[in-house]
Amino acid sequence: MRTTPWTTLASAALLALATGCGTEGAARESATPPRAANVVTVTAYDFAFDAPASIPAGLTTFKLVNRGPELHHVQLVRIEEGHTFQELAAMNVEAGPPPSWIRFVGGPNAPLPGAGSQATLNLEPGSYAILCFIPSADGVLHMMKGMARPLTVTPVENAVPAAPAPEVRITLTDYSYELAPEIAAGRRTIRVDNQAAQPHELIVVRLAPGKTAQEMASWILKMDGPPPGAPIGGTSFLGQGASNDVTIDFQPGEYAFLCMVPDASDGKPHVMHGMVKQVTVRGN
């Protein structure tokens, strides 16, 4: 699979994670949203999304349920005025960089097949698209196989404008994760805020016993042997200034935070620029 600004070697590693890990320890679907927000369930199949065509503006929790055997995520992009979803869907997105008239606003990142993840974000009225950038074994992005769906966000009076203060904050920079305070075991809501010039993402991986985040990063680049961890969610691509709140059930243990977004300067995934962090989650 060739490297483009839309897909990387690291994306293929996510595919390998789907087939190399069991569902033990995977994030499960949330029974309730983490705060007062609209709730939108997006069900992913191979290769389609089941989701509403229109939702009201304001604070919205997207709950991703993966019913396919492959990994899937929800990548929300906002389409600027003067452009359309049809224009985006007709592009050969593997042939070049993303168009300048879309803005990455996040969404729940990939859980294992059969599991779920969620992200909460504030949506302004406008035209959006729900996409999946993860490739199949043949190297073709799921977006190109039908996982692209338009979404209209309509104005509404008295929309919930903002989320309450989260328990934990993660600030994305070029190229690090700044975390405060430490994450304790249990169900935690984390605000992920991109303050960098480039888009970034947060992939949360629960590491297997005795494995490290650097081993996870090295495995992603080579994919030799069994994967040293399993993805449990996070946020998909966030543009500069965008933020998502993610809610994850953390068990005591070791976790890796990874960013696979291709770098603007050399096209290498940000994990190769050092955007890897190991996090210890202790019991209460």
C-alpha atoms as a PDB file:
ATOM      1  CA  MET A   1       0.000   0.000   0.000  1.00  0.00           C
ATOM      2  CA  ARG A   2       1.516   3.336  -0.990  1.00  0.00           C
ATOM      3  CA  THR A   3       1.787   6.179   1.483  1.00  0.00           C
ATOM      4  CA  THR A   4      -0.421   9.214   0.872  1.00  0.00           C
ATOM      5  CA  PRO A   5      -1.660  12.019   3.115  1.00  0.00           C
ATOM      6  CA  TRP A   6      -4.871   9.977   3.509  1.00  0.00           C
ATOM      7  CA  THR A   7      -3.419   6.600   4.424  1.00  0.00           C
ATOM      8  CA  THR A   8      -0.157   5.358   5.886  1.00  0.00           C
ATOM      9  CA  LEU A   9       1.723   2.209   6.749  1.00  0.00           C
ATOM     10  CA  ALA A  10       0.440   2.779  10.252  1.00  0.00           C
ATOM     11  CA  SER A  11      -3.127   2.513   8.995  1.00  0.00           C
ATOM     12  CA  ALA A  12      -2.320  -0.940   7.683  1.00  0.00           C
ATOM     13  CA  ALA A  13      -1.058  -1.752  11.161  1.00  0.00           C
ATOM     14  CA  LEU A  14      -4.492  -0.938  12.532  1.00  0.00           C
ATOM     15  CA  LEU A  15      -5.898  -3.503  10.128  1.00  0.00           C
ATOM     16  CA  ALA A  16      -3.431  -6.048  11.483  1.00  0.00           C
ATOM     17  CA  LEU A  17      -4.476  -5.163  15.013  1.00  0.00           C
ATOM     18  CA  ALA A  18      -8.045  -6.064  14.120  1.00  0.00           C
ATOM     19  CA  THR A  19      -7.050  -9.558  13.087  1.00  0.00           C
ATOM     20  CA  GLY A  20      -4.310 -10.113  15.660  1.00  0.00           C
ATOM     21  CA  CYS A  21      -6.078  -9.206  18.905  1.00  0.00           C
ATOM     22  CA  GLY A  22      -9.073 -10.568  20.719  1.00  0.00           C
ATOM     23  CA  THR A  23     -11.810  -8.420  22.193  1.00  0.00           C
ATOM     24  CA  GLU A  24     -10.753  -8.902  25.797  1.00  0.00           C
ATOM     25  CA  GLY A  25     -10.276  -5.510  27.417  1.00  0.00           C
ATOM     26  CA  ALA A  26     -11.882  -3.664  24.493  1.00  0.00           C
ATOM     27  CA  ALA A  27     -14.051  -0.633  25.164  1.00  0.00           C
ATOM     28  CA  ARG A  28     -17.740  -1.512  25.189  1.00  0.00           C
ATOM     29  CA  GLU A  29     -20.640   0.602  24.047  1.00  0.00           C
ATOM     30  CA  SER A  30     -21.638   3.314  26.453  1.00  0.00           C
ATOM     31  CA  ALA A  31     -25.030   2.785  28.063  1.00  0.00           C
ATOM     32  CA  THR A  32     -25.450   6.515  28.604  1.00  0.00           C
ATOM     33  CA  PRO A  33     -23.786   9.629  27.146  1.00  0.00           C
ATOM     34  CA  PRO A  34     -21.107  11.230  29.327  1.00  0.00           C
ATOM     35  CA  ARG A  35     -22.952  14.576  29.595  1.00  0.00           C
ATOM     36  CA  ALA A  36     -26.029  16.496  28.470  1.00  0.00           C
ATOM     37  CA  ALA A  37     -25.633  16.185  24.720  1.00  0.00           C
ATOM     38  CA  ASN A  38     -27.372  14.949  21.628  1.00  0.00           C
ATOM     39  CA  VAL A  39     -26.599  11.272  21.096  1.00  0.00           C
ATOM     40  CA  VAL A  40     -25.971   9.868  17.618  1.00  0.00           C
ATOM     41  CA  THR A  41     -25.293   6.172  17.085  1.00  0.00           C
ATOM     42  CA  VAL A  42     -23.197   5.279  14.056  1.00  0.00           C
ATOM     43  CA  THR A  43     -23.043   1.589  13.187  1.00  0.00           C
ATOM     44  CA  ALA A  44     -20.144   0.513  10.990  1.00  0.00           C
ATOM     45  CA  TYR A  45     -20.263  -2.500   8.702  1.00  0.00           C
ATOM     46  CA  ASP A  46     -17.981  -3.793   5.959  1.00  0.00           C
ATOM     47  CA  PHE A  47     -18.335  -1.385   4.130  1.00  0.00           C
ATOM     48  CA  ALA A  48     -21.056   1.086   5.076  1.00  0.00           C
ATOM     49  CA  PHE A  49     -22.228   3.391   7.850  1.00  0.00           C
ATOM     50  CA  ASP A  50     -25.718   3.341   9.316  1.00  0.00           C
ATOM     51  CA  ALA A  51     -26.278   6.869  10.619  1.00  0.00           C
ATOM     52  CA  PRO A  52     -28.877   9.652  10.458  1.00  0.00           C
ATOM     53  CA  ALA A  53     -28.805  12.044   7.522  1.00  0.00           C
ATOM     54  CA  SER A  54     -29.510  15.136   9.640  1.00  0.00           C
ATOM     55  CA  ILE A  55     -28.944  16.078  13.273  1.00  0.00           C
ATOM     56  CA  PRO A  56     -29.326  19.311  15.287  1.00  0.00           C
ATOM     57  CA  ALA A  57     -26.343  21.510  16.045  1.00  0.00           C
ATOM     58  CA  GLY A  58     -24.745  21.653  19.465  1.00  0.00           C
ATOM     59  CA  LEU A  59     -22.950  19.298  21.796  1.00  0.00           C
ATOM     60  CA  THR A  60     -23.175  15.804  20.297  1.00  0.00           C
ATOM     61  CA  THR A  61     -21.981  12.396  21.468  1.00  0.00           C
ATOM     62  CA  PHE A  62     -21.165  10.061  18.588  1.00  0.00           C
ATOM     63  CA  LYS A  63     -21.306   6.410  19.614  1.00  0.00           C
ATOM     64  CA  LEU A  64     -19.532   4.125  17.162  1.00  0.00           C
ATOM     65  CA  VAL A  65     -20.622   0.477  17.116  1.00  0.00           C
ATOM     66  CA  ASN A  66     -18.426  -1.763  14.958  1.00  0.00           C
ATOM     67  CA  ARG A  67     -20.448  -4.634  13.478  1.00  0.00           C
ATOM     68  CA  GLY A  68     -17.864  -5.551  10.835  1.00  0.00           C
ATOM     69  CA  PRO A  69     -14.910  -7.920  11.099  1.00  0.00           C
ATOM     70  CA  GLU A  70     -12.497  -5.106  10.140  1.00  0.00           C
ATOM     71  CA  LEU A  71     -11.504  -2.030  12.133  1.00  0.00           C
ATOM     72  CA  HIS A  72     -13.527   1.128  11.480  1.00  0.00           C
ATOM     73  CA  HIS A  73     -13.510   4.653  12.855  1.00  0.00           C
ATOM     74  CA  VAL A  74     -15.693   7.733  12.423  1.00  0.00           C
ATOM     75  CA  GLN A  75     -13.856  10.611  10.781  1.00  0.00           C
ATOM     76  CA  LEU A  76     -16.037  13.700  10.748  1.00  0.00           C
ATOM     77  CA  VAL A  77     -15.100  16.473   8.348  1.00  0.00           C
ATOM     78  CA  ARG A  78     -16.829  19.792   7.861  1.00  0.00           C
ATOM     79  CA  ILE A  79     -17.292  20.877   4.240  1.00  0.00           C
ATOM     80  CA  GLU A  80     -16.895  24.575   3.580  1.00  0.00           C
ATOM     81  CA  GLU A  81     -19.602  26.550   1.822  1.00  0.00           C
ATOM     82  CA  GLY A  82     -19.297  26.403  -1.934  1.00  0.00           C
ATOM     83  CA  HIS A  83     -18.401  22.706  -1.894  1.00  0.00           C
ATOM     84  CA  THR A  84     -20.485  19.565  -1.529  1.00  0.00           C
ATOM     85  CA  PHE A  85     -20.354  16.023  -0.225  1.00  0.00           C
ATOM     86  CA  GLN A  86     -20.781  14.761  -3.781  1.00  0.00           C
ATOM     87  CA  GLU A  87     -17.649  16.661  -4.773  1.00  0.00           C
ATOM     88  CA  LEU A  88     -15.723  15.020  -1.935  1.00  0.00           C
ATOM     89  CA  ALA A  89     -17.102  11.530  -2.613  1.00  0.00           C
ATOM     90  CA  ALA A  90     -16.132  11.764  -6.295  1.00  0.00           C
ATOM     91  CA  MET A  91     -12.473  12.491  -5.504  1.00  0.00           C
ATOM     92  CA  ASN A  92      -9.760   9.879  -5.791  1.00  0.00           C
ATOM     93  CA  VAL A  93      -8.596  10.589  -2.265  1.00  0.00           C
ATOM     94  CA  GLU A  94      -5.652   8.206  -2.522  1.00  0.00           C
ATOM     95  CA  ALA A  95      -4.100  10.267  -5.309  1.00  0.00           C
ATOM     96  CA  GLY A  96      -3.219  13.387  -3.340  1.00  0.00           C
ATOM     97  CA  PRO A  97      -3.607  15.449  -0.180  1.00  0.00           C
ATOM     98  CA  PRO A  98      -6.991  16.209   1.385  1.00  0.00           C
ATOM     99  CA  PRO A  99      -8.727  19.214  -0.206  1.00  0.00           C
ATOM    100  CA  SER A 100      -8.250  22.541   1.532  1.00  0.00           C
ATOM    101  CA  TRP A 101     -12.033  23.016   1.842  1.00  0.00           C
ATOM    102  CA  ILE A 102     -12.593  20.302   4.447  1.00  0.00           C
ATOM    103  CA  ARG A 103     -11.852  20.621   8.168  1.00  0.00           C
ATOM    104  CA  PHE A 104     -11.120  17.645  10.392  1.00  0.00           C
ATOM    105  CA  VAL A 105     -13.325  17.791  13.498  1.00  0.00           C
ATOM    106  CA  GLY A 106     -12.676  14.335  14.959  1.00  0.00           C
ATOM    107  CA  GLY A 107     -15.002  11.546  15.969  1.00  0.00           C
ATOM    108  CA  PRO A 108     -14.584   8.232  17.796  1.00  0.00           C
ATOM    109  CA  ASN A 109     -11.473   6.338  16.811  1.00  0.00           C
ATOM    110  CA  ALA A 110     -11.349   2.628  16.090  1.00  0.00           C
ATOM    111  CA  PRO A 111     -12.286   0.020  18.674  1.00  0.00           C
ATOM    112  CA  LEU A 112     -11.816  -3.673  18.004  1.00  0.00           C
ATOM    113  CA  PRO A 113     -14.449  -5.439  15.898  1.00  0.00           C
ATOM    114  CA  GLY A 114     -17.537  -6.157  17.984  1.00  0.00           C
ATOM    115  CA  ALA A 115     -16.779  -3.321  20.398  1.00  0.00           C
ATOM    116  CA  GLY A 116     -17.642   0.383  20.574  1.00  0.00           C
ATOM    117  CA  SER A 117     -16.136   3.798  21.236  1.00  0.00           C
ATOM    118  CA  GLN A 118     -17.466   7.326  21.601  1.00  0.00           C
ATOM    119  CA  ALA A 119     -16.504  10.963  21.298  1.00  0.00           C
ATOM    120  CA  THR A 120     -18.347  14.161  22.179  1.00  0.00           C
ATOM    121  CA  LEU A 121     -17.883  17.379  20.223  1.00  0.00           C
ATOM    122  CA  ASN A 122     -19.647  20.659  19.550  1.00  0.00           C
ATOM    123  CA  LEU A 123     -21.039  20.822  16.013  1.00  0.00           C
ATOM    124  CA  GLU A 124     -21.854  24.055  14.234  1.00  0.00           C
ATOM    125  CA  PRO A 125     -24.574  24.109  11.554  1.00  0.00           C
ATOM    126  CA  GLY A 126     -23.358  23.124   8.106  1.00  0.00           C
ATOM    127  CA  SER A 127     -22.514  20.274   5.774  1.00  0.00           C
ATOM    128  CA  TYR A 128     -20.381  17.386   7.010  1.00  0.00           C
ATOM    129  CA  ALA A 129     -19.228  13.950   5.940  1.00  0.00           C
ATOM    130  CA  ILE A 130     -18.792  10.750   7.931  1.00  0.00           C
ATOM    131  CA  LEU A 131     -15.758   8.896   6.554  1.00  0.00           C
ATOM    132  CA  CYS A 132     -13.527   5.922   7.317  1.00  0.00           C
ATOM    133  CA  PHE A 133      -9.885   6.299   6.289  1.00  0.00           C
ATOM    134  CA  ILE A 134      -8.774   2.839   7.456  1.00  0.00           C
ATOM    135  CA  PRO A 135      -7.710   0.559   4.568  1.00  0.00           C
ATOM    136  CA  SER A 136      -8.504  -3.083   3.945  1.00  0.00           C
ATOM    137  CA  ALA A 137      -5.859  -5.703   3.295  1.00  0.00           C
ATOM    138  CA  ASP A 138      -5.906  -4.734  -0.391  1.00  0.00           C
ATOM    139  CA  GLY A 139      -4.790  -1.207   0.531  1.00  0.00           C
ATOM    140  CA  VAL A 140      -8.036   0.464  -0.534  1.00  0.00           C
ATOM    141  CA  LEU A 141      -9.480   2.955   1.932  1.00  0.00           C
ATOM    142  CA  HIS A 142     -12.868   2.034   3.355  1.00  0.00           C
ATOM    143  CA  MET A 143     -14.057   5.450   2.174  1.00  0.00           C
ATOM    144  CA  MET A 144     -13.480   4.273  -1.387  1.00  0.00           C
ATOM    145  CA  LYS A 145     -15.511   1.116  -0.686  1.00  0.00           C
ATOM    146  CA  GLY A 146     -18.611   3.007   0.371  1.00  0.00           C
ATOM    147  CA  MET A 147     -17.862   4.227   3.894  1.00  0.00           C
ATOM    148  CA  ALA A 148     -18.659   7.855   3.104  1.00  0.00           C
ATOM    149  CA  ARG A 149     -21.947   9.358   4.186  1.00  0.00           C
ATOM    150  CA  PRO A 150     -23.248  12.959   4.145  1.00  0.00           C
ATOM    151  CA  LEU A 151     -24.422  14.591   7.343  1.00  0.00           C
ATOM    152  CA  THR A 152     -26.361  17.854   7.608  1.00  0.00           C
ATOM    153  CA  VAL A 153     -26.184  19.731  10.906  1.00  0.00           C
ATOM    154  CA  THR A 154     -29.162  22.054  11.260  1.00  0.00           C
ATOM    155  CA  PRO A 155     -29.497  25.197  13.382  1.00  0.00           C
ATOM    156  CA  VAL A 156     -31.454  24.782  16.602  1.00  0.00           C
ATOM    157  CA  GLU A 157     -32.497  27.115  19.383  1.00  0.00           C
ATOM    158  CA  ASN A 158     -31.088  26.504  22.851  1.00  0.00           C
ATOM    159  CA  ALA A 159     -28.435  24.079  21.638  1.00  0.00           C
ATOM    160  CA  VAL A 160     -26.062  22.851  24.328  1.00  0.00           C
ATOM    161  CA  PRO A 161     -23.064  25.115  23.577  1.00  0.00           C
ATOM    162  CA  ALA A 162     -20.272  23.444  25.542  1.00  0.00           C
ATOM    163  CA  ALA A 163     -19.384  20.459  27.671  1.00  0.00           C
ATOM    164  CA  PRO A 164     -18.708  20.579  31.408  1.00  0.00           C
ATOM    165  CA  ALA A 165     -15.105  20.456  32.558  1.00  0.00           C
ATOM    166  CA  PRO A 166     -13.578  17.022  31.904  1.00  0.00           C
ATOM    167  CA  GLU A 167     -11.698  14.869  34.414  1.00  0.00           C
ATOM    168  CA  VAL A 168      -8.518  14.751  32.320  1.00  0.00           C
ATOM    169  CA  ARG A 169      -7.082  16.926  29.558  1.00  0.00           C
ATOM    170  CA  ILE A 170      -4.771  15.870  26.734  1.00  0.00           C
ATOM    171  CA  THR A 171      -3.232  18.651  24.648  1.00  0.00           C
ATOM    172  CA  LEU A 172      -1.896  17.677  21.220  1.00  0.00           C
ATOM    173  CA  THR A 173       1.206  19.486  19.969  1.00  0.00           C
ATOM    174  CA  ASP A 174       3.837  18.865  17.296  1.00  0.00           C
ATOM    175  CA  TYR A 175       4.691  16.092  18.377  1.00  0.00           C
ATOM    176  CA  SER A 176       3.586  15.159  21.878  1.00  0.00           C
ATOM    177  CA  TYR A 177       0.687  14.409  24.207  1.00  0.00           C
ATOM    178  CA  GLU A 178       0.526  16.627  27.285  1.00  0.00           C
ATOM    179  CA  LEU A 179      -1.593  14.878  29.920  1.00  0.00           C
ATOM    180  CA  ALA A 180      -2.974  16.256  33.201  1.00  0.00           C
ATOM    181  CA  PRO A 181      -3.808  14.873  35.684  1.00  0.00           C
ATOM    182  CA  GLU A 182      -2.897  11.191  35.638  1.00  0.00           C
ATOM    183  CA  ILE A 183      -5.599   8.756  34.585  1.00  0.00           C
ATOM    184  CA  ALA A 184      -6.996   6.533  37.317  1.00  0.00           C
ATOM    185  CA  ALA A 185      -8.768   3.255  36.666  1.00  0.00           C
ATOM    186  CA  GLY A 186     -12.479   3.479  35.911  1.00  0.00           C
ATOM    187  CA  ARG A 187     -14.696   5.174  33.384  1.00  0.00           C
ATOM    188  CA  ARG A 188     -12.977   8.456  32.515  1.00  0.00           C
ATOM    189  CA  THR A 189     -13.849  11.384  30.261  1.00  0.00           C
ATOM    190  CA  ILE A 190     -10.854  13.032  28.599  1.00  0.00           C
ATOM    191  CA  ARG A 191     -10.801  16.257  26.628  1.00  0.00           C
ATOM    192  CA  VAL A 192      -8.476  15.992  23.644  1.00  0.00           C
ATOM    193  CA  ASP A 193      -7.521  19.439  22.351  1.00  0.00           C
ATOM    194  CA  ASN A 194      -5.333  19.999  19.281  1.00  0.00           C
ATOM    195  CA  GLN A 195      -3.222  23.133  19.699  1.00  0.00           C
ATOM    196  CA  ALA A 196      -0.759  22.176  16.972  1.00  0.00           C
ATOM    197  CA  ALA A 197      -0.549  23.595  13.469  1.00  0.00           C
ATOM    198  CA  GLN A 198      -1.052  20.152  11.935  1.00  0.00           C
ATOM    199  CA  PRO A 199      -3.913  17.678  12.338  1.00  0.00           C
ATOM    200  CA  HIS A 200      -3.344  14.999  14.969  1.00  0.00           C
ATOM    201  CA  GLU A 201      -5.250  12.065  16.386  1.00  0.00           C
ATOM    202  CA  LEU A 202      -5.305  10.013  19.573  1.00  0.00           C
ATOM    203  CA  ILE A 203      -5.274   6.239  19.297  1.00  0.00           C
ATOM    204  CA  VAL A 204      -5.512   4.606  22.708  1.00  0.00           C
ATOM    205  CA  VAL A 205      -4.001   1.118  22.861  1.00  0.00           C
ATOM    206  CA  ARG A 206      -4.206  -1.160  25.877  1.00  0.00           C
ATOM    207  CA  LEU A 207      -0.790  -2.807  26.024  1.00  0.00           C
ATOM    208  CA  ALA A 208      -0.351  -6.509  26.650  1.00  0.00           C
ATOM    209  CA  PRO A 209       1.393  -7.367  29.940  1.00  0.00           C
ATOM    210  CA  GLY A 210       5.084  -6.535  29.801  1.00  0.00           C
ATOM    211  CA  LYS A 211       4.831  -4.548  26.556  1.00  0.00           C
ATOM    212  CA  THR A 212       5.718  -0.880  26.082  1.00  0.00           C
ATOM    213  CA  ALA A 213       4.503   2.018  23.966  1.00  0.00           C
ATOM    214  CA  GLN A 214       7.802   2.032  22.067  1.00  0.00           C
ATOM    215  CA  GLU A 215       7.352  -1.649  21.252  1.00  0.00           C
ATOM    216  CA  MET A 216       3.886  -0.781  19.990  1.00  0.00           C
ATOM    217  CA  ALA A 217       5.314   1.998  17.828  1.00  0.00           C
ATOM    218  CA  SER A 218       8.036  -0.289  16.454  1.00  0.00           C
ATOM    219  CA  TRP A 219       5.505  -3.026  15.704  1.00  0.00           C
ATOM    220  CA  ILE A 220       3.343  -0.564  13.782  1.00  0.00           C
ATOM    221  CA  LEU A 221       6.255   0.220  11.464  1.00  0.00           C
ATOM    222  CA  LYS A 222       7.273  -3.429  10.874  1.00  0.00           C
ATOM    223  CA  MET A 223       4.256  -5.568  11.847  1.00  0.00           C
ATOM    224  CA  ASP A 224       6.440  -8.538  12.745  1.00  0.00           C
ATOM    225  CA  GLY A 225       4.770 -11.063  15.014  1.00  0.00           C
ATOM    226  CA  PRO A 226       1.693 -10.591  17.186  1.00  0.00           C
ATOM    227  CA  PRO A 227       0.693  -7.012  18.072  1.00  0.00           C
ATOM    228  CA  PRO A 228       1.716  -5.896  21.575  1.00  0.00           C
ATOM    229  CA  GLY A 229      -1.644  -4.270  22.312  1.00  0.00           C
ATOM    230  CA  ALA A 230      -5.260  -3.706  21.292  1.00  0.00           C
ATOM    231  CA  PRO A 231      -6.930  -0.408  20.237  1.00  0.00           C
ATOM    232  CA  ILE A 232      -9.801   0.741  22.458  1.00  0.00           C
ATOM    233  CA  GLY A 233     -10.769   4.095  20.940  1.00  0.00           C
ATOM    234  CA  GLY A 234      -9.646   7.704  21.087  1.00  0.00           C
ATOM    235  CA  THR A 235     -10.262  10.455  18.536  1.00  0.00           C
ATOM    236  CA  SER A 236      -9.801  10.503  14.780  1.00  0.00           C
ATOM    237  CA  PHE A 237      -8.079  13.430  13.001  1.00  0.00           C
ATOM    238  CA  LEU A 238      -8.484  16.800  14.732  1.00  0.00           C
ATOM    239  CA  GLY A 239      -7.616  20.016  12.921  1.00  0.00           C
ATOM    240  CA  GLN A 240      -5.977  22.953  14.669  1.00  0.00           C
ATOM    241  CA  GLY A 241      -8.196  24.235  17.486  1.00  0.00           C
ATOM    242  CA  ALA A 242     -10.596  21.284  17.354  1.00  0.00           C
ATOM    243  CA  SER A 243     -11.402  19.258  20.457  1.00  0.00           C
ATOM    244  CA  ASN A 244     -13.262  16.072  21.354  1.00  0.00           C
ATOM    245  CA  ASP A 245     -14.218  14.527  24.674  1.00  0.00           C
ATOM    246  CA  VAL A 246     -13.693  10.770  24.765  1.00  0.00           C
ATOM    247  CA  THR A 247     -15.048   8.428  27.429  1.00  0.00           C
ATOM    248  CA  ILE A 248     -13.149   5.181  27.984  1.00  0.00           C
ATOM    249  CA  ASP A 249     -13.248   2.394  30.563  1.00  0.00           C
ATOM    250  CA  PHE A 250      -9.671   2.147  31.833  1.00  0.00           C
ATOM    251  CA  GLN A 251      -8.460  -0.950  33.612  1.00  0.00           C
ATOM    252  CA  PRO A 252      -5.247  -0.825  35.666  1.00  0.00           C
ATOM    253  CA  GLY A 253      -2.291  -1.383  33.375  1.00  0.00           C
ATOM    254  CA  GLU A 254      -0.153   0.163  30.668  1.00  0.00           C
ATOM    255  CA  TYR A 255      -1.465   2.091  27.670  1.00  0.00           C
ATOM    256  CA  ALA A 256       0.026   3.662  24.556  1.00  0.00           C
ATOM    257  CA  PHE A 257      -1.081   6.928  22.958  1.00  0.00           C
ATOM    258  CA  LEU A 258      -0.215   7.080  19.253  1.00  0.00           C
ATOM    259  CA  CYS A 259      -0.706   9.427  16.294  1.00  0.00           C
ATOM    260  CA  MET A 260      -0.654   7.997  12.770  1.00  0.00           C
ATOM    261  CA  VAL A 261      -1.451  11.206  10.849  1.00  0.00           C
ATOM    262  CA  PRO A 262       1.029  11.766   7.974  1.00  0.00           C
ATOM    263  CA  ASP A 263       3.352  14.696   8.551  1.00  0.00           C
ATOM    264  CA  ALA A 264       2.944  17.745   6.346  1.00  0.00           C
ATOM    265  CA  SER A 265       6.691  17.951   5.652  1.00  0.00           C
ATOM    266  CA  ASP A 266       7.723  14.375   4.842  1.00  0.00           C
ATOM    267  CA  GLY A 267       4.553  12.252   4.813  1.00  0.00           C
ATOM    268  CA  LYS A 268       5.795  10.011   7.607  1.00  0.00           C
ATOM    269  CA  PRO A 269       3.272   9.096  10.330  1.00  0.00           C
ATOM    270  CA  HIS A 270       3.674  11.259  13.411  1.00  0.00           C
ATOM    271  CA  VAL A 271       4.589   8.193  15.448  1.00  0.00           C
ATOM    272  CA  MET A 272       7.912   8.354  13.560  1.00  0.00           C
ATOM    273  CA  HIS A 273       8.358  11.919  14.778  1.00  0.00           C
ATOM    274  CA  GLY A 274       8.080  10.801  18.386  1.00  0.00           C
ATOM    275  CA  MET A 275       4.344  11.216  18.939  1.00  0.00           C
ATOM    276  CA  VAL A 276       4.162   8.203  21.239  1.00  0.00           C
ATOM    277  CA  LYS A 277       3.369   8.240  24.936  1.00  0.00           C
ATOM    278  CA  GLN A 278       3.139   5.458  27.508  1.00  0.00           C
ATOM    279  CA  VAL A 279       0.585   5.968  30.246  1.00  0.00           C
ATOM    280  CA  THR A 280       0.263   3.969  33.461  1.00  0.00           C
ATOM    281  CA  VAL A 281      -3.258   3.613  34.811  1.00  0.00           C
ATOM    282  CA  ARG A 282      -3.318   2.745  38.490  1.00  0.00           C
ATOM    283  CA  GLY A 283      -6.174   1.290  40.478  1.00  0.00           C
ATOM    284  CA  ASN A 284      -8.165   3.440  42.862  1.00  0.00           C
END
